[in-house]
Amino acid sequence: MCVGEVETLCELAERLCAEPNPREALITWIRAYIDHVSAHRGLGSAPNTGTQEDDTLVAVCQAAVTEAGGTLLEAAVRTGGVRGDLRIPDLLALVGALATASESGDEERPERLLQLVIEGIGG
């Protein structure tokens, strides 16, 4: 996991907080998160690297991403752009699984799956 890429993802979330449409800002960030996870095959198993140093780094990165995404999600919930019962750990798990499923080779699959997620988080 590249710390610089996580910082970039978190910085994107900060910039998107200024967007006038929190739902669209969240969806833009989700797309970036999917790209990040897709670019790092095996990211889901990263917490089990076996070394405390690696585990700590992964935990810090996951906390930063969770906080960044959580801020966008809270804004989208507040404005009615997404369902009020959404929780960022659940959303990250779902789109992380989507990123993993997209490794099937079907280039259109990620977008089809993302559209299902977007419809499911509706407002």
C-alpha atoms as a PDB file:
ATOM      1  CA  MET A   1       0.000   0.000   0.000  1.00  0.00           C
ATOM      2  CA  CYS A   2       1.455   3.332  -1.010  1.00  0.00           C
ATOM      3  CA  VAL A   3       1.038   6.009   1.637  1.00  0.00           C
ATOM      4  CA  GLY A   4       1.267   8.716  -1.015  1.00  0.00           C
ATOM      5  CA  GLU A   5      -1.696   7.257  -2.870  1.00  0.00           C
ATOM      6  CA  VAL A   6      -3.732   7.127   0.340  1.00  0.00           C
ATOM      7  CA  GLU A   7      -2.834  10.769   1.000  1.00  0.00           C
ATOM      8  CA  THR A   8      -3.965  11.637  -2.531  1.00  0.00           C
ATOM      9  CA  LEU A   9      -7.278   9.846  -1.942  1.00  0.00           C
ATOM     10  CA  CYS A  10      -7.774  11.734   1.318  1.00  0.00           C
ATOM     11  CA  GLU A  11      -6.853  15.056  -0.315  1.00  0.00           C
ATOM     12  CA  LEU A  12      -9.406  14.365  -3.031  1.00  0.00           C
ATOM     13  CA  ALA A  13     -12.054  13.904  -0.349  1.00  0.00           C
ATOM     14  CA  GLU A  14     -11.095  17.253   1.178  1.00  0.00           C
ATOM     15  CA  ARG A  15     -11.424  19.001  -2.184  1.00  0.00           C
ATOM     16  CA  LEU A  16     -14.733  17.288  -2.908  1.00  0.00           C
ATOM     17  CA  CYS A  17     -16.184  18.559   0.371  1.00  0.00           C
ATOM     18  CA  ALA A  18     -16.421  21.966  -1.311  1.00  0.00           C
ATOM     19  CA  GLU A  19     -18.561  20.600  -4.152  1.00  0.00           C
ATOM     20  CA  PRO A  20     -22.167  21.839  -4.221  1.00  0.00           C
ATOM     21  CA  ASN A  21     -23.635  18.328  -4.630  1.00  0.00           C
ATOM     22  CA  PRO A  22     -22.481  16.067  -1.770  1.00  0.00           C
ATOM     23  CA  ARG A  23     -23.981  12.946  -3.384  1.00  0.00           C
ATOM     24  CA  GLU A  24     -22.001  13.477  -6.594  1.00  0.00           C
ATOM     25  CA  ALA A  25     -18.900  14.300  -4.556  1.00  0.00           C
ATOM     26  CA  LEU A  26     -19.264  10.994  -2.706  1.00  0.00           C
ATOM     27  CA  ILE A  27     -19.751   9.061  -5.947  1.00  0.00           C
ATOM     28  CA  THR A  28     -16.678  10.723  -7.480  1.00  0.00           C
ATOM     29  CA  TRP A  29     -14.646   9.725  -4.430  1.00  0.00           C
ATOM     30  CA  ILE A  30     -16.027   6.167  -4.504  1.00  0.00           C
ATOM     31  CA  ARG A  31     -14.811   5.853  -8.099  1.00  0.00           C
ATOM     32  CA  ALA A  32     -11.345   6.993  -7.014  1.00  0.00           C
ATOM     33  CA  TYR A  33     -11.421   4.521  -4.120  1.00  0.00           C
ATOM     34  CA  ILE A  34     -12.351   1.685  -6.492  1.00  0.00           C
ATOM     35  CA  ASP A  35      -9.479   2.657  -8.787  1.00  0.00           C
ATOM     36  CA  HIS A  36      -7.127   2.669  -5.787  1.00  0.00           C
ATOM     37  CA  VAL A  37      -8.205  -0.773  -4.593  1.00  0.00           C
ATOM     38  CA  SER A  38      -8.164  -2.172  -8.134  1.00  0.00           C
ATOM     39  CA  ALA A  39      -4.614  -0.936  -8.636  1.00  0.00           C
ATOM     40  CA  HIS A  40      -3.459  -2.832  -5.546  1.00  0.00           C
ATOM     41  CA  ARG A  41      -4.478  -6.451  -5.915  1.00  0.00           C
ATOM     42  CA  GLY A  42      -4.453  -8.146  -2.552  1.00  0.00           C
ATOM     43  CA  LEU A  43      -5.200  -4.918  -0.694  1.00  0.00           C
ATOM     44  CA  GLY A  44      -8.014  -6.626   1.156  1.00  0.00           C
ATOM     45  CA  SER A  45      -5.598  -9.073   2.719  1.00  0.00           C
ATOM     46  CA  ALA A  46      -3.041  -6.382   3.577  1.00  0.00           C
ATOM     47  CA  PRO A  47      -3.849  -6.393   7.320  1.00  0.00           C
ATOM     48  CA  ASN A  48      -2.533  -9.950   7.465  1.00  0.00           C
ATOM     49  CA  THR A  49       1.010  -9.253   6.274  1.00  0.00           C
ATOM     50  CA  GLY A  50       2.538 -10.792   9.357  1.00  0.00           C
ATOM     51  CA  THR A  51       4.616  -7.866  10.583  1.00  0.00           C
ATOM     52  CA  GLN A  52       3.477  -5.425  13.214  1.00  0.00           C
ATOM     53  CA  GLU A  53       5.003  -2.500  11.325  1.00  0.00           C
ATOM     54  CA  ASP A  54       3.074  -3.339   8.152  1.00  0.00           C
ATOM     55  CA  ASP A  55      -0.114  -3.984  10.114  1.00  0.00           C
ATOM     56  CA  THR A  56       0.221  -0.602  11.836  1.00  0.00           C
ATOM     57  CA  LEU A  57       0.786   1.195   8.541  1.00  0.00           C
ATOM     58  CA  VAL A  58      -2.250  -0.480   6.994  1.00  0.00           C
ATOM     59  CA  ALA A  59      -4.385   0.410  10.032  1.00  0.00           C
ATOM     60  CA  VAL A  60      -3.312   4.060   9.860  1.00  0.00           C
ATOM     61  CA  CYS A  61      -4.040   4.211   6.129  1.00  0.00           C
ATOM     62  CA  GLN A  62      -7.425   2.520   6.562  1.00  0.00           C
ATOM     63  CA  ALA A  63      -8.340   4.955   9.347  1.00  0.00           C
ATOM     64  CA  ALA A  64      -7.435   7.935   7.152  1.00  0.00           C
ATOM     65  CA  VAL A  65      -9.477   6.626   4.216  1.00  0.00           C
ATOM     66  CA  THR A  66     -12.414   5.829   6.498  1.00  0.00           C
ATOM     67  CA  GLU A  67     -12.354   9.331   7.956  1.00  0.00           C
ATOM     68  CA  ALA A  68     -12.087  10.980   4.536  1.00  0.00           C
ATOM     69  CA  GLY A  69     -14.925   8.930   3.060  1.00  0.00           C
ATOM     70  CA  GLY A  70     -16.976   9.338   6.228  1.00  0.00           C
ATOM     71  CA  THR A  71     -16.893  13.109   5.899  1.00  0.00           C
ATOM     72  CA  LEU A  72     -18.252  12.898   2.355  1.00  0.00           C
ATOM     73  CA  LEU A  73     -20.869  10.350   3.371  1.00  0.00           C
ATOM     74  CA  GLU A  74     -22.060  12.495   6.286  1.00  0.00           C
ATOM     75  CA  ALA A  75     -22.534  15.475   3.974  1.00  0.00           C
ATOM     76  CA  ALA A  76     -24.470  13.363   1.465  1.00  0.00           C
ATOM     77  CA  VAL A  77     -26.692  11.979   4.239  1.00  0.00           C
ATOM     78  CA  ARG A  78     -27.270  15.462   5.704  1.00  0.00           C
ATOM     79  CA  THR A  79     -28.532  16.766   2.361  1.00  0.00           C
ATOM     80  CA  GLY A  80     -30.693  13.711   1.662  1.00  0.00           C
ATOM     81  CA  GLY A  81     -28.488  12.624  -1.232  1.00  0.00           C
ATOM     82  CA  VAL A  82     -28.061   9.096   0.142  1.00  0.00           C
ATOM     83  CA  ARG A  83     -29.792   6.845   2.626  1.00  0.00           C
ATOM     84  CA  GLY A  84     -29.479   7.829   6.253  1.00  0.00           C
ATOM     85  CA  ASP A  85     -28.635   4.329   7.440  1.00  0.00           C
ATOM     86  CA  LEU A  86     -25.373   4.065   5.466  1.00  0.00           C
ATOM     87  CA  ARG A  87     -22.153   3.566   7.422  1.00  0.00           C
ATOM     88  CA  ILE A  88     -18.768   4.250   5.861  1.00  0.00           C
ATOM     89  CA  PRO A  89     -17.192   0.906   6.874  1.00  0.00           C
ATOM     90  CA  ASP A  90     -20.055  -0.906   5.131  1.00  0.00           C
ATOM     91  CA  LEU A  91     -19.816   1.272   2.033  1.00  0.00           C
ATOM     92  CA  LEU A  92     -16.037   0.817   1.824  1.00  0.00           C
ATOM     93  CA  ALA A  93     -16.405  -2.946   2.224  1.00  0.00           C
ATOM     94  CA  LEU A  94     -19.021  -3.025  -0.525  1.00  0.00           C
ATOM     95  CA  VAL A  95     -17.083  -0.973  -3.048  1.00  0.00           C
ATOM     96  CA  GLY A  96     -13.859  -2.771  -2.093  1.00  0.00           C
ATOM     97  CA  ALA A  97     -15.569  -6.033  -2.963  1.00  0.00           C
ATOM     98  CA  LEU A  98     -16.770  -4.429  -6.190  1.00  0.00           C
ATOM     99  CA  ALA A  99     -13.174  -3.528  -7.059  1.00  0.00           C
ATOM    100  CA  THR A 100     -12.077  -7.104  -6.426  1.00  0.00           C
ATOM    101  CA  ALA A 101     -14.953  -8.499  -8.480  1.00  0.00           C
ATOM    102  CA  SER A 102     -13.980  -6.220 -11.332  1.00  0.00           C
ATOM    103  CA  GLU A 103     -10.738  -8.158 -11.819  1.00  0.00           C
ATOM    104  CA  SER A 104     -12.721 -10.709 -13.837  1.00  0.00           C
ATOM    105  CA  GLY A 105     -11.586  -9.234 -17.144  1.00  0.00           C
ATOM    106  CA  ASP A 106     -15.035  -7.928 -18.082  1.00  0.00           C
ATOM    107  CA  GLU A 107     -14.230  -4.242 -18.620  1.00  0.00           C
ATOM    108  CA  GLU A 108     -17.879  -3.179 -18.328  1.00  0.00           C
ATOM    109  CA  ARG A 109     -18.543  -5.083 -15.105  1.00  0.00           C
ATOM    110  CA  PRO A 110     -17.154  -2.483 -12.676  1.00  0.00           C
ATOM    111  CA  GLU A 111     -19.462   0.216 -14.018  1.00  0.00           C
ATOM    112  CA  ARG A 112     -22.502  -2.103 -13.969  1.00  0.00           C
ATOM    113  CA  LEU A 113     -21.771  -3.063 -10.372  1.00  0.00           C
ATOM    114  CA  LEU A 114     -21.133   0.539  -9.374  1.00  0.00           C
ATOM    115  CA  GLN A 115     -24.485   1.560 -10.840  1.00  0.00           C
ATOM    116  CA  LEU A 116     -26.144  -1.059  -8.616  1.00  0.00           C
ATOM    117  CA  VAL A 117     -24.346   0.424  -5.594  1.00  0.00           C
ATOM    118  CA  ILE A 118     -25.335   3.966  -6.558  1.00  0.00           C
ATOM    119  CA  GLU A 119     -28.964   2.934  -6.915  1.00  0.00           C
ATOM    120  CA  GLY A 120     -28.795   1.075  -3.607  1.00  0.00           C
ATOM    121  CA  ILE A 121     -27.425   4.032  -1.641  1.00  0.00           C
ATOM    122  CA  GLY A 122     -30.100   6.307  -3.132  1.00  0.00           C
ATOM    123  CA  GLY A 123     -31.449   9.286  -1.291  1.00  0.00           C
END
